[in-house]
């Protein structure tokens, strides 16, 4: 049975990722009272993951000194398109297909729950509380294992009629190019992500036999090279890693230029693990590529390109804000 909350300005935001669950308990204006993290262990299945979300939420509540029933609602970000009914349509990293995320989690927690795509929420979090505050048109790109994105125009998340809008990683930027994990050829994600860089690194290390510090890594996973490893190699002047990152920045700038030409946002925010580890070194190169490709060239001067201000909290805080606004407007 759902308890009527006593503290209407107390909310939870949950970021369900392929690797970890990250939960924040916060107030209306985004002030975080507590955070908790747990491994997702997606391989254990959907129901087990929901159990871990519940445990993570309870741990965050305990750290915040509140009861679960004190929460006005829970917002959830997941790596999947989410239907209006709260069904997670396809989350390949989780092994989910058409799972009733909102219905099952709400029943489990005894609380009102809303869910949305994680990168949409990461962008919304930056818009509300981070690098996009005070800006009514914002795009977010999150560079990690894959490449996700979100769009806020006139203060609203852009979802599209099919709720699949803002899948920026799957814009095709190289016709008949490198194969993407989605099965198409030439997607931006196939070049501007850790998976894309892994394809580049595999080719130059295994096929061309070039030397690199990466060869010293005991278990190098080309599908998901750790951001910290890339940062160390770049700092050591590793030519192969420098080239892989340069290619990523060139394509990312090209993709951003297309978005700027199409939508004309005031600000672009770059987040995700790769940007958290290397953003300071890469931002200038990405900006150069954007300026080179945008139409008309002068429009590049009107766009602010910034790194995420919220880091790991972006999705969870976006989920919190989205939840608060969903229930208040409803």
C-alpha atoms as a PDB file:
ATOM      1  CA  UNK A   1       0.000   0.000   0.000  1.00  0.00           C
ATOM      2  CA  UNK A   2       1.369   3.430  -0.928  1.00  0.00           C
ATOM      3  CA  UNK A   3       1.910   5.662   2.089  1.00  0.00           C
ATOM      4  CA  UNK A   4       1.050   9.331   1.769  1.00  0.00           C
ATOM      5  CA  UNK A   5       4.358  11.145   2.009  1.00  0.00           C
ATOM      6  CA  UNK A   6       4.932  13.686   4.762  1.00  0.00           C
ATOM      7  CA  UNK A   7       7.822  15.492   3.107  1.00  0.00           C
ATOM      8  CA  UNK A   8       6.614  16.568  -0.303  1.00  0.00           C
ATOM      9  CA  UNK A   9       9.997  18.065  -1.209  1.00  0.00           C
ATOM     10  CA  UNK A  10      11.972  14.848  -0.728  1.00  0.00           C
ATOM     11  CA  UNK A  11      12.680  12.774  -3.837  1.00  0.00           C
ATOM     12  CA  UNK A  12      14.901   9.934  -5.059  1.00  0.00           C
ATOM     13  CA  UNK A  13      16.712   9.602  -8.366  1.00  0.00           C
ATOM     14  CA  UNK A  14      18.104   6.247  -9.506  1.00  0.00           C
ATOM     15  CA  UNK A  15      20.556   5.655 -12.348  1.00  0.00           C
ATOM     16  CA  UNK A  16      20.457   1.987 -13.434  1.00  0.00           C
ATOM     17  CA  UNK A  17      23.574   1.399 -15.507  1.00  0.00           C
ATOM     18  CA  UNK A  18      25.062  -1.725 -17.019  1.00  0.00           C
ATOM     19  CA  UNK A  19      27.759  -1.747 -14.319  1.00  0.00           C
ATOM     20  CA  UNK A  20      26.360   0.104 -11.322  1.00  0.00           C
ATOM     21  CA  UNK A  21      23.192   1.452  -9.715  1.00  0.00           C
ATOM     22  CA  UNK A  22      23.636   5.008  -8.402  1.00  0.00           C
ATOM     23  CA  UNK A  23      20.962   6.516  -6.144  1.00  0.00           C
ATOM     24  CA  UNK A  24      20.561  10.027  -4.733  1.00  0.00           C
ATOM     25  CA  UNK A  25      18.111  11.333  -2.161  1.00  0.00           C
ATOM     26  CA  UNK A  26      17.560  15.030  -2.669  1.00  0.00           C
ATOM     27  CA  UNK A  27      15.438  18.089  -2.068  1.00  0.00           C
ATOM     28  CA  UNK A  28      13.386  20.061  -4.554  1.00  0.00           C
ATOM     29  CA  UNK A  29      16.258  22.298  -5.659  1.00  0.00           C
ATOM     30  CA  UNK A  30      18.632  19.383  -6.240  1.00  0.00           C
ATOM     31  CA  UNK A  31      20.449  19.515  -2.894  1.00  0.00           C
ATOM     32  CA  UNK A  32      21.738  15.970  -2.364  1.00  0.00           C
ATOM     33  CA  UNK A  33      21.257  14.558   1.135  1.00  0.00           C
ATOM     34  CA  UNK A  34      22.813  11.153   0.448  1.00  0.00           C
ATOM     35  CA  UNK A  35      24.162   8.882  -2.276  1.00  0.00           C
ATOM     36  CA  UNK A  36      24.447   5.097  -2.476  1.00  0.00           C
ATOM     37  CA  UNK A  37      25.937   2.753  -5.062  1.00  0.00           C
ATOM     38  CA  UNK A  38      25.747  -0.938  -5.808  1.00  0.00           C
ATOM     39  CA  UNK A  39      26.863  -3.214  -8.613  1.00  0.00           C
ATOM     40  CA  UNK A  40      24.014  -3.870 -11.047  1.00  0.00           C
ATOM     41  CA  UNK A  41      24.791  -7.543 -11.755  1.00  0.00           C
ATOM     42  CA  UNK A  42      22.472  -7.452 -14.762  1.00  0.00           C
ATOM     43  CA  UNK A  43      23.355 -11.051 -15.608  1.00  0.00           C
ATOM     44  CA  UNK A  44      21.221 -12.156 -12.613  1.00  0.00           C
ATOM     45  CA  UNK A  45      18.081 -10.986 -14.428  1.00  0.00           C
ATOM     46  CA  UNK A  46      15.473  -8.222 -14.327  1.00  0.00           C
ATOM     47  CA  UNK A  47      13.846  -9.161 -10.988  1.00  0.00           C
ATOM     48  CA  UNK A  48      17.214  -9.430  -9.240  1.00  0.00           C
ATOM     49  CA  UNK A  49      18.204  -5.971 -10.529  1.00  0.00           C
ATOM     50  CA  UNK A  50      14.962  -4.493  -9.135  1.00  0.00           C
ATOM     51  CA  UNK A  51      15.836  -6.067  -5.777  1.00  0.00           C
ATOM     52  CA  UNK A  52      19.210  -4.345  -5.883  1.00  0.00           C
ATOM     53  CA  UNK A  53      17.554  -1.027  -6.799  1.00  0.00           C
ATOM     54  CA  UNK A  54      15.380  -1.451  -3.694  1.00  0.00           C
ATOM     55  CA  UNK A  55      18.431  -2.233  -1.521  1.00  0.00           C
ATOM     56  CA  UNK A  56      20.357   0.722  -2.938  1.00  0.00           C
ATOM     57  CA  UNK A  57      17.400   3.067  -2.341  1.00  0.00           C
ATOM     58  CA  UNK A  58      17.028   1.861   1.248  1.00  0.00           C
ATOM     59  CA  UNK A  59      20.741   2.365   1.856  1.00  0.00           C
ATOM     60  CA  UNK A  60      20.532   5.935   0.518  1.00  0.00           C
ATOM     61  CA  UNK A  61      17.464   6.623   2.707  1.00  0.00           C
ATOM     62  CA  UNK A  62      19.321   5.324   5.757  1.00  0.00           C
ATOM     63  CA  UNK A  63      22.320   7.557   4.989  1.00  0.00           C
ATOM     64  CA  UNK A  64      19.950  10.539   4.555  1.00  0.00           C
ATOM     65  CA  UNK A  65      18.199   9.753   7.841  1.00  0.00           C
ATOM     66  CA  UNK A  66      14.773   9.346   6.217  1.00  0.00           C
ATOM     67  CA  UNK A  67      12.259   6.539   5.700  1.00  0.00           C
ATOM     68  CA  UNK A  68      11.369   5.178   2.290  1.00  0.00           C
ATOM     69  CA  UNK A  69       7.768   6.256   2.913  1.00  0.00           C
ATOM     70  CA  UNK A  70       8.908   9.875   3.350  1.00  0.00           C
ATOM     71  CA  UNK A  71       9.746  10.065  -0.359  1.00  0.00           C
ATOM     72  CA  UNK A  72       7.312  11.890  -2.642  1.00  0.00           C
ATOM     73  CA  UNK A  73       8.419   9.749  -5.594  1.00  0.00           C
ATOM     74  CA  UNK A  74      11.253   7.941  -7.346  1.00  0.00           C
ATOM     75  CA  UNK A  75      12.642   8.799 -10.780  1.00  0.00           C
ATOM     76  CA  UNK A  76      14.606   6.145 -12.670  1.00  0.00           C
ATOM     77  CA  UNK A  77      17.013   6.394 -15.592  1.00  0.00           C
ATOM     78  CA  UNK A  78      17.706   3.224 -17.605  1.00  0.00           C
ATOM     79  CA  UNK A  79      19.775   2.545 -20.755  1.00  0.00           C
ATOM     80  CA  UNK A  80      16.725   1.937 -22.934  1.00  0.00           C
ATOM     81  CA  UNK A  81      13.933   3.749 -24.721  1.00  0.00           C
ATOM     82  CA  UNK A  82      11.026   3.914 -22.229  1.00  0.00           C
ATOM     83  CA  UNK A  83       7.388   3.921 -23.392  1.00  0.00           C
ATOM     84  CA  UNK A  84       4.700   6.221 -21.966  1.00  0.00           C
ATOM     85  CA  UNK A  85       3.567   3.230 -19.874  1.00  0.00           C
ATOM     86  CA  UNK A  86       7.030   2.817 -18.343  1.00  0.00           C
ATOM     87  CA  UNK A  87       8.126  -0.251 -20.333  1.00  0.00           C
ATOM     88  CA  UNK A  88      11.872  -0.516 -21.043  1.00  0.00           C
ATOM     89  CA  UNK A  89      11.818  -1.523 -24.702  1.00  0.00           C
ATOM     90  CA  UNK A  90      15.393  -2.639 -25.322  1.00  0.00           C
ATOM     91  CA  UNK A  91      18.404  -2.405 -23.014  1.00  0.00           C
ATOM     92  CA  UNK A  92      21.096  -4.574 -24.650  1.00  0.00           C
ATOM     93  CA  UNK A  93      23.627  -4.082 -21.820  1.00  0.00           C
ATOM     94  CA  UNK A  94      21.010  -5.302 -19.339  1.00  0.00           C
ATOM     95  CA  UNK A  95      19.527  -8.124 -21.412  1.00  0.00           C
ATOM     96  CA  UNK A  96      16.097  -6.445 -21.118  1.00  0.00           C
ATOM     97  CA  UNK A  97      13.407  -6.477 -23.780  1.00  0.00           C
ATOM     98  CA  UNK A  98       9.940  -5.019 -23.155  1.00  0.00           C
ATOM     99  CA  UNK A  99      10.155  -5.246 -19.364  1.00  0.00           C
ATOM    100  CA  UNK A 100       7.499  -3.411 -17.260  1.00  0.00           C
ATOM    101  CA  UNK A 101      10.020  -1.337 -15.309  1.00  0.00           C
ATOM    102  CA  UNK A 102       7.721   1.274 -13.748  1.00  0.00           C
ATOM    103  CA  UNK A 103       4.882  -1.116 -12.874  1.00  0.00           C
ATOM    104  CA  UNK A 104       7.127  -3.707 -11.207  1.00  0.00           C
ATOM    105  CA  UNK A 105       9.327  -1.202  -9.371  1.00  0.00           C
ATOM    106  CA  UNK A 106       6.406   0.886  -8.122  1.00  0.00           C
ATOM    107  CA  UNK A 107       4.729  -2.251  -6.757  1.00  0.00           C
ATOM    108  CA  UNK A 108       7.959  -3.377  -5.132  1.00  0.00           C
ATOM    109  CA  UNK A 109       8.742  -0.033  -3.493  1.00  0.00           C
ATOM    110  CA  UNK A 110       5.196   1.017  -2.604  1.00  0.00           C
ATOM    111  CA  UNK A 111       5.972   4.410  -4.135  1.00  0.00           C
ATOM    112  CA  UNK A 112       5.136   6.446  -7.223  1.00  0.00           C
ATOM    113  CA  UNK A 113       7.783   5.800  -9.899  1.00  0.00           C
ATOM    114  CA  UNK A 114       8.559   7.368 -13.293  1.00  0.00           C
ATOM    115  CA  UNK A 115      11.264   6.215 -15.722  1.00  0.00           C
ATOM    116  CA  UNK A 116      13.016   7.689 -18.733  1.00  0.00           C
ATOM    117  CA  UNK A 117      16.043   7.015 -20.926  1.00  0.00           C
ATOM    118  CA  UNK A 118      19.240   7.631 -18.950  1.00  0.00           C
ATOM    119  CA  UNK A 119      20.855  10.074 -21.398  1.00  0.00           C
ATOM    120  CA  UNK A 120      17.644  12.101 -21.698  1.00  0.00           C
ATOM    121  CA  UNK A 121      17.741  12.389 -17.909  1.00  0.00           C
ATOM    122  CA  UNK A 122      21.474  13.145 -17.816  1.00  0.00           C
ATOM    123  CA  UNK A 123      20.808  16.092 -20.125  1.00  0.00           C
ATOM    124  CA  UNK A 124      17.798  17.155 -18.060  1.00  0.00           C
ATOM    125  CA  UNK A 125      19.903  16.983 -14.891  1.00  0.00           C
ATOM    126  CA  UNK A 126      22.495  19.310 -16.432  1.00  0.00           C
ATOM    127  CA  UNK A 127      19.681  21.600 -17.601  1.00  0.00           C
ATOM    128  CA  UNK A 128      18.127  21.827 -14.145  1.00  0.00           C
ATOM    129  CA  UNK A 129      21.127  21.738 -11.820  1.00  0.00           C
ATOM    130  CA  UNK A 130      24.383  21.683 -13.792  1.00  0.00           C
ATOM    131  CA  UNK A 131      26.127  23.195 -16.804  1.00  0.00           C
ATOM    132  CA  UNK A 132      22.822  24.037 -18.520  1.00  0.00           C
ATOM    133  CA  UNK A 133      21.209  26.100 -15.768  1.00  0.00           C
ATOM    134  CA  UNK A 134      19.580  29.239 -17.124  1.00  0.00           C
ATOM    135  CA  UNK A 135      19.745  27.936 -20.698  1.00  0.00           C
ATOM    136  CA  UNK A 136      16.490  26.950 -22.435  1.00  0.00           C
ATOM    137  CA  UNK A 137      18.044  24.944 -25.321  1.00  0.00           C
ATOM    138  CA  UNK A 138      20.605  22.311 -24.469  1.00  0.00           C
ATOM    139  CA  UNK A 139      22.030  19.124 -25.924  1.00  0.00           C
ATOM    140  CA  UNK A 140      23.883  16.499 -23.934  1.00  0.00           C
ATOM    141  CA  UNK A 141      26.228  13.852 -25.334  1.00  0.00           C
ATOM    142  CA  UNK A 142      27.525  11.142 -23.016  1.00  0.00           C
ATOM    143  CA  UNK A 143      30.633   9.307 -24.182  1.00  0.00           C
ATOM    144  CA  UNK A 144      31.148   5.956 -22.505  1.00  0.00           C
ATOM    145  CA  UNK A 145      31.068   2.371 -23.736  1.00  0.00           C
ATOM    146  CA  UNK A 146      28.519   3.662 -26.259  1.00  0.00           C
ATOM    147  CA  UNK A 147      27.347   7.184 -27.087  1.00  0.00           C
ATOM    148  CA  UNK A 148      24.060   8.478 -25.736  1.00  0.00           C
ATOM    149  CA  UNK A 149      22.408  11.858 -25.983  1.00  0.00           C
ATOM    150  CA  UNK A 150      19.550  14.055 -24.903  1.00  0.00           C
ATOM    151  CA  UNK A 151      17.866  17.252 -26.098  1.00  0.00           C
ATOM    152  CA  UNK A 152      16.096  19.949 -24.093  1.00  0.00           C
ATOM    153  CA  UNK A 153      14.328  22.598 -26.201  1.00  0.00           C
ATOM    154  CA  UNK A 154      12.289  25.390 -24.617  1.00  0.00           C
ATOM    155  CA  UNK A 155      12.686  23.718 -21.249  1.00  0.00           C
ATOM    156  CA  UNK A 156      11.222  20.360 -22.356  1.00  0.00           C
ATOM    157  CA  UNK A 157      12.879  17.003 -23.006  1.00  0.00           C
ATOM    158  CA  UNK A 158      12.553  16.097 -26.689  1.00  0.00           C
ATOM    159  CA  UNK A 159      11.327  12.511 -26.982  1.00  0.00           C
ATOM    160  CA  UNK A 160       9.703  12.394 -30.404  1.00  0.00           C
ATOM    161  CA  UNK A 161       6.457  10.716 -31.405  1.00  0.00           C
ATOM    162  CA  UNK A 162       8.019   7.271 -30.957  1.00  0.00           C
ATOM    163  CA  UNK A 163      10.006   8.233 -27.801  1.00  0.00           C
ATOM    164  CA  UNK A 164      13.195   7.384 -29.700  1.00  0.00           C
ATOM    165  CA  UNK A 165      14.364  10.948 -30.376  1.00  0.00           C
ATOM    166  CA  UNK A 166      17.870  12.108 -29.410  1.00  0.00           C
ATOM    167  CA  UNK A 167      19.556   8.762 -30.183  1.00  0.00           C
ATOM    168  CA  UNK A 168      22.531  10.816 -31.345  1.00  0.00           C
ATOM    169  CA  UNK A 169      24.902   7.843 -31.307  1.00  0.00           C
ATOM    170  CA  UNK A 170      22.988   6.326 -34.208  1.00  0.00           C
ATOM    171  CA  UNK A 171      23.182   9.254 -36.608  1.00  0.00           C
ATOM    172  CA  UNK A 172      25.071   7.913 -39.610  1.00  0.00           C
ATOM    173  CA  UNK A 173      28.220   9.986 -40.126  1.00  0.00           C
ATOM    174  CA  UNK A 174      30.144   7.676 -42.502  1.00  0.00           C
ATOM    175  CA  UNK A 175      28.023   6.027 -45.209  1.00  0.00           C
ATOM    176  CA  UNK A 176      28.875   2.291 -45.397  1.00  0.00           C
ATOM    177  CA  UNK A 177      31.422   2.866 -42.625  1.00  0.00           C
ATOM    178  CA  UNK A 178      32.425   0.931 -39.519  1.00  0.00           C
ATOM    179  CA  UNK A 179      29.845  -1.512 -38.136  1.00  0.00           C
ATOM    180  CA  UNK A 180      27.972  -0.322 -35.051  1.00  0.00           C
ATOM    181  CA  UNK A 181      26.685  -2.548 -32.253  1.00  0.00           C
ATOM    182  CA  UNK A 182      23.145  -1.792 -33.509  1.00  0.00           C
ATOM    183  CA  UNK A 183      23.919  -3.543 -36.819  1.00  0.00           C
ATOM    184  CA  UNK A 184      24.025  -0.428 -39.010  1.00  0.00           C
ATOM    185  CA  UNK A 185      27.149   0.864 -40.729  1.00  0.00           C
ATOM    186  CA  UNK A 186      28.761   4.234 -40.000  1.00  0.00           C
ATOM    187  CA  UNK A 187      26.892   5.322 -36.847  1.00  0.00           C
ATOM    188  CA  UNK A 188      28.534   8.058 -34.779  1.00  0.00           C
ATOM    189  CA  UNK A 189      28.775   5.605 -31.859  1.00  0.00           C
ATOM    190  CA  UNK A 190      30.971   3.328 -33.987  1.00  0.00           C
ATOM    191  CA  UNK A 191      33.619   6.082 -33.933  1.00  0.00           C
ATOM    192  CA  UNK A 192      32.922   8.289 -30.897  1.00  0.00           C
ATOM    193  CA  UNK A 193      32.737   5.846 -27.974  1.00  0.00           C
ATOM    194  CA  UNK A 194      34.973   3.422 -26.108  1.00  0.00           C
ATOM    195  CA  UNK A 195      33.627   0.646 -28.312  1.00  0.00           C
ATOM    196  CA  UNK A 196      34.507   2.663 -31.408  1.00  0.00           C
ATOM    197  CA  UNK A 197      37.987   3.449 -30.116  1.00  0.00           C
ATOM    198  CA  UNK A 198      38.382  -0.238 -29.305  1.00  0.00           C
ATOM    199  CA  UNK A 199      37.791  -1.104 -32.976  1.00  0.00           C
ATOM    200  CA  UNK A 200      40.489   1.394 -33.973  1.00  0.00           C
ATOM    201  CA  UNK A 201      42.921   0.064 -31.347  1.00  0.00           C
ATOM    202  CA  UNK A 202      42.306  -3.572 -32.268  1.00  0.00           C
ATOM    203  CA  UNK A 203      43.084  -2.812 -35.901  1.00  0.00           C
ATOM    204  CA  UNK A 204      46.340  -0.931 -35.297  1.00  0.00           C
ATOM    205  CA  UNK A 205      47.614  -3.255 -32.553  1.00  0.00           C
ATOM    206  CA  UNK A 206      46.575  -6.650 -33.927  1.00  0.00           C
ATOM    207  CA  UNK A 207      46.543  -6.125 -37.705  1.00  0.00           C
ATOM    208  CA  UNK A 208      49.205  -3.436 -38.108  1.00  0.00           C
ATOM    209  CA  UNK A 209      51.310  -4.634 -35.161  1.00  0.00           C
ATOM    210  CA  UNK A 210      52.163  -1.170 -33.866  1.00  0.00           C
ATOM    211  CA  UNK A 211      53.675  -0.628 -30.429  1.00  0.00           C
ATOM    212  CA  UNK A 212      51.670   0.849 -27.567  1.00  0.00           C
ATOM    213  CA  UNK A 213      51.682   0.997 -23.767  1.00  0.00           C
ATOM    214  CA  UNK A 214      48.307  -0.764 -23.996  1.00  0.00           C
ATOM    215  CA  UNK A 215      50.140  -3.993 -24.785  1.00  0.00           C
ATOM    216  CA  UNK A 216      51.243  -4.031 -21.136  1.00  0.00           C
ATOM    217  CA  UNK A 217      47.622  -4.190 -19.934  1.00  0.00           C
ATOM    218  CA  UNK A 218      47.067  -7.738 -18.602  1.00  0.00           C
ATOM    219  CA  UNK A 219      43.452  -8.129 -19.780  1.00  0.00           C
ATOM    220  CA  UNK A 220      42.773  -5.468 -22.395  1.00  0.00           C
ATOM    221  CA  UNK A 221      39.095  -5.494 -23.393  1.00  0.00           C
ATOM    222  CA  UNK A 222      38.846  -3.776 -26.786  1.00  0.00           C
ATOM    223  CA  UNK A 223      35.066  -3.615 -26.357  1.00  0.00           C
ATOM    224  CA  UNK A 224      35.386  -1.416 -23.279  1.00  0.00           C
ATOM    225  CA  UNK A 225      38.873   0.036 -22.716  1.00  0.00           C
ATOM    226  CA  UNK A 226      38.855   1.729 -19.307  1.00  0.00           C
ATOM    227  CA  UNK A 227      38.908   5.543 -19.428  1.00  0.00           C
ATOM    228  CA  UNK A 228      41.640   5.651 -16.778  1.00  0.00           C
ATOM    229  CA  UNK A 229      43.888   3.426 -18.931  1.00  0.00           C
ATOM    230  CA  UNK A 230      43.369   5.739 -21.920  1.00  0.00           C
ATOM    231  CA  UNK A 231      44.168   8.782 -19.757  1.00  0.00           C
ATOM    232  CA  UNK A 232      47.421   7.213 -18.501  1.00  0.00           C
ATOM    233  CA  UNK A 233      48.493   6.249 -22.020  1.00  0.00           C
ATOM    234  CA  UNK A 234      47.752   9.735 -23.342  1.00  0.00           C
ATOM    235  CA  UNK A 235      49.709  11.349 -20.501  1.00  0.00           C
ATOM    236  CA  UNK A 236      52.659   9.050 -21.329  1.00  0.00           C
ATOM    237  CA  UNK A 237      52.622  10.255 -24.956  1.00  0.00           C
ATOM    238  CA  UNK A 238      51.387   6.982 -26.464  1.00  0.00           C
ATOM    239  CA  UNK A 239      51.019   7.636 -30.224  1.00  0.00           C
ATOM    240  CA  UNK A 240      48.416   4.922 -30.867  1.00  0.00           C
ATOM    241  CA  UNK A 241      46.084   6.133 -28.094  1.00  0.00           C
ATOM    242  CA  UNK A 242      46.600   9.752 -29.226  1.00  0.00           C
ATOM    243  CA  UNK A 243      45.484   8.785 -32.738  1.00  0.00           C
ATOM    244  CA  UNK A 244      42.462   6.843 -31.449  1.00  0.00           C
ATOM    245  CA  UNK A 245      41.357   9.819 -29.360  1.00  0.00           C
ATOM    246  CA  UNK A 246      41.991  12.249 -32.231  1.00  0.00           C
ATOM    247  CA  UNK A 247      39.723  10.168 -34.504  1.00  0.00           C
ATOM    248  CA  UNK A 248      37.040  10.071 -31.788  1.00  0.00           C
ATOM    249  CA  UNK A 249      37.204  13.868 -31.316  1.00  0.00           C
ATOM    250  CA  UNK A 250      37.006  14.494 -35.080  1.00  0.00           C
ATOM    251  CA  UNK A 251      33.862  12.388 -35.437  1.00  0.00           C
ATOM    252  CA  UNK A 252      32.311  13.746 -32.249  1.00  0.00           C
ATOM    253  CA  UNK A 253      32.856  17.299 -33.517  1.00  0.00           C
ATOM    254  CA  UNK A 254      31.288  16.312 -36.853  1.00  0.00           C
ATOM    255  CA  UNK A 255      28.242  14.828 -35.098  1.00  0.00           C
ATOM    256  CA  UNK A 256      27.879  17.902 -32.875  1.00  0.00           C
ATOM    257  CA  UNK A 257      28.118  20.165 -35.947  1.00  0.00           C
ATOM    258  CA  UNK A 258      25.227  18.261 -37.553  1.00  0.00           C
ATOM    259  CA  UNK A 259      23.132  18.751 -34.416  1.00  0.00           C
ATOM    260  CA  UNK A 260      23.998  22.450 -34.236  1.00  0.00           C
ATOM    261  CA  UNK A 261      23.108  22.904 -37.921  1.00  0.00           C
ATOM    262  CA  UNK A 262      19.803  21.087 -37.385  1.00  0.00           C
ATOM    263  CA  UNK A 263      18.645  22.431 -34.016  1.00  0.00           C
ATOM    264  CA  UNK A 264      20.779  25.453 -33.133  1.00  0.00           C
ATOM    265  CA  UNK A 265      21.079  24.803 -29.372  1.00  0.00           C
ATOM    266  CA  UNK A 266      22.610  27.466 -27.153  1.00  0.00           C
ATOM    267  CA  UNK A 267      24.791  24.970 -25.315  1.00  0.00           C
ATOM    268  CA  UNK A 268      26.211  21.455 -25.737  1.00  0.00           C
ATOM    269  CA  UNK A 269      27.254  19.542 -22.622  1.00  0.00           C
ATOM    270  CA  UNK A 270      29.659  16.590 -22.862  1.00  0.00           C
ATOM    271  CA  UNK A 271      29.619  13.945 -20.149  1.00  0.00           C
ATOM    272  CA  UNK A 272      30.195  10.243 -19.561  1.00  0.00           C
ATOM    273  CA  UNK A 273      33.258   8.346 -18.353  1.00  0.00           C
ATOM    274  CA  UNK A 274      35.554   9.299 -21.233  1.00  0.00           C
ATOM    275  CA  UNK A 275      34.838  13.019 -20.804  1.00  0.00           C
ATOM    276  CA  UNK A 276      35.207  12.817 -17.022  1.00  0.00           C
ATOM    277  CA  UNK A 277      38.647  11.252 -17.443  1.00  0.00           C
ATOM    278  CA  UNK A 278      39.889  13.162 -20.504  1.00  0.00           C
ATOM    279  CA  UNK A 279      37.507  16.033 -21.247  1.00  0.00           C
ATOM    280  CA  UNK A 280      39.977  18.790 -20.382  1.00  0.00           C
ATOM    281  CA  UNK A 281      42.479  17.442 -22.935  1.00  0.00           C
ATOM    282  CA  UNK A 282      39.880  16.692 -25.636  1.00  0.00           C
ATOM    283  CA  UNK A 283      37.505  19.650 -25.552  1.00  0.00           C
ATOM    284  CA  UNK A 284      39.631  21.936 -27.762  1.00  0.00           C
ATOM    285  CA  UNK A 285      39.996  19.286 -30.489  1.00  0.00           C
ATOM    286  CA  UNK A 286      36.248  18.548 -30.447  1.00  0.00           C
ATOM    287  CA  UNK A 287      35.511  22.276 -30.708  1.00  0.00           C
ATOM    288  CA  UNK A 288      37.844  22.611 -33.727  1.00  0.00           C
ATOM    289  CA  UNK A 289      36.088  19.772 -35.541  1.00  0.00           C
ATOM    290  CA  UNK A 290      32.675  21.245 -34.733  1.00  0.00           C
ATOM    291  CA  UNK A 291      33.737  24.648 -36.113  1.00  0.00           C
ATOM    292  CA  UNK A 292      35.142  22.972 -39.236  1.00  0.00           C
ATOM    293  CA  UNK A 293      31.877  21.161 -40.037  1.00  0.00           C
ATOM    294  CA  UNK A 294      29.013  23.386 -38.873  1.00  0.00           C
ATOM    295  CA  UNK A 295      26.908  25.469 -41.296  1.00  0.00           C
ATOM    296  CA  UNK A 296      27.282  28.352 -41.541  1.00  0.00           C
ATOM    297  CA  UNK A 297      30.752  28.443 -40.025  1.00  0.00           C
ATOM    298  CA  UNK A 298      29.881  31.532 -37.964  1.00  0.00           C
ATOM    299  CA  UNK A 299      27.239  29.578 -36.015  1.00  0.00           C
ATOM    300  CA  UNK A 300      29.999  27.691 -34.175  1.00  0.00           C
ATOM    301  CA  UNK A 301      30.759  30.932 -32.315  1.00  0.00           C
ATOM    302  CA  UNK A 302      27.205  31.006 -30.926  1.00  0.00           C
ATOM    303  CA  UNK A 303      27.393  27.563 -29.313  1.00  0.00           C
ATOM    304  CA  UNK A 304      28.861  26.987 -25.867  1.00  0.00           C
ATOM    305  CA  UNK A 305      30.601  23.608 -25.595  1.00  0.00           C
ATOM    306  CA  UNK A 306      31.109  22.568 -21.972  1.00  0.00           C
ATOM    307  CA  UNK A 307      31.904  19.548 -19.846  1.00  0.00           C
ATOM    308  CA  UNK A 308      29.259  18.095 -17.537  1.00  0.00           C
ATOM    309  CA  UNK A 309      29.097  19.844 -14.155  1.00  0.00           C
ATOM    310  CA  UNK A 310      27.311  16.961 -12.384  1.00  0.00           C
ATOM    311  CA  UNK A 311      29.497  14.004 -13.390  1.00  0.00           C
ATOM    312  CA  UNK A 312      28.208  10.757 -11.914  1.00  0.00           C
ATOM    313  CA  UNK A 313      25.147  12.482 -10.430  1.00  0.00           C
ATOM    314  CA  UNK A 314      23.787  13.781 -13.776  1.00  0.00           C
ATOM    315  CA  UNK A 315      21.345  10.931 -14.556  1.00  0.00           C
ATOM    316  CA  UNK A 316      20.182  10.452 -10.956  1.00  0.00           C
ATOM    317  CA  UNK A 317      19.582  14.186 -10.455  1.00  0.00           C
ATOM    318  CA  UNK A 318      17.829  14.399 -13.820  1.00  0.00           C
ATOM    319  CA  UNK A 319      15.615  11.491 -12.716  1.00  0.00           C
ATOM    320  CA  UNK A 320      14.864  13.309  -9.460  1.00  0.00           C
ATOM    321  CA  UNK A 321      13.917  16.539 -11.295  1.00  0.00           C
ATOM    322  CA  UNK A 322      11.836  14.691 -13.901  1.00  0.00           C
ATOM    323  CA  UNK A 323       9.990  12.780 -11.185  1.00  0.00           C
ATOM    324  CA  UNK A 324       9.231  15.955  -9.225  1.00  0.00           C
ATOM    325  CA  UNK A 325       7.949  17.761 -12.308  1.00  0.00           C
ATOM    326  CA  UNK A 326       5.939  14.773 -13.562  1.00  0.00           C
ATOM    327  CA  UNK A 327       3.977  14.462 -10.325  1.00  0.00           C
ATOM    328  CA  UNK A 328       3.582  18.180  -9.763  1.00  0.00           C
ATOM    329  CA  UNK A 329       2.220  18.760 -13.241  1.00  0.00           C
ATOM    330  CA  UNK A 330       0.092  15.624 -12.998  1.00  0.00           C
END
